[in-house]
Amino acid sequence: MGTSHDDDGYDYTRAQRAIDAGLLAFATKEYATGKKHFEDALRVSPRDPDAANNLAVAHAYVGDLAGGVKVLERAMTTDVTANAQKESLATNLCSMYELLAPEPVVAKRALAGWLGRVAPDDLDLTCTRL
């Protein structure tokens, strides 16, 4: 089976296989193993929003919310064009803010303001749950 490379040179087929392996690990409650697979997916394809989203959730499942926040914030700002339009990234980031931030409403408002400036017009800002 061949690999699928985009113009940026990343191996998306390998990344998808790693994501699939991570999801299978999660299905059997092997969260640390799943996290390793999602890390591999993001290493192979650093701008993949699904890899970032899954890795952030895996951080939460292994008790590292701060790590999950970092992954999502980096994903949102690394490839703004692609990732700012992913409502699932913003929703998960807001959920983590609610659990971790000292003032979650302030963090969520800042995110909503930033999304309002950089995201496409059709992004539903209610994903920030303000």
Foldseek 3Di string as FASTA:
>chain_A
DDFDADPVGFGQVQLVVLQVVLVVCVVVPNLVSSLVSLVVSCVRPVQDQSSLLSNLVSCVSVPNNVVSLVSLVCNCPVCVAPNLQPLSSLLVNLVSLVVDPPDSVVVLVVSLVVSVVRPDPPRDSCSSVD
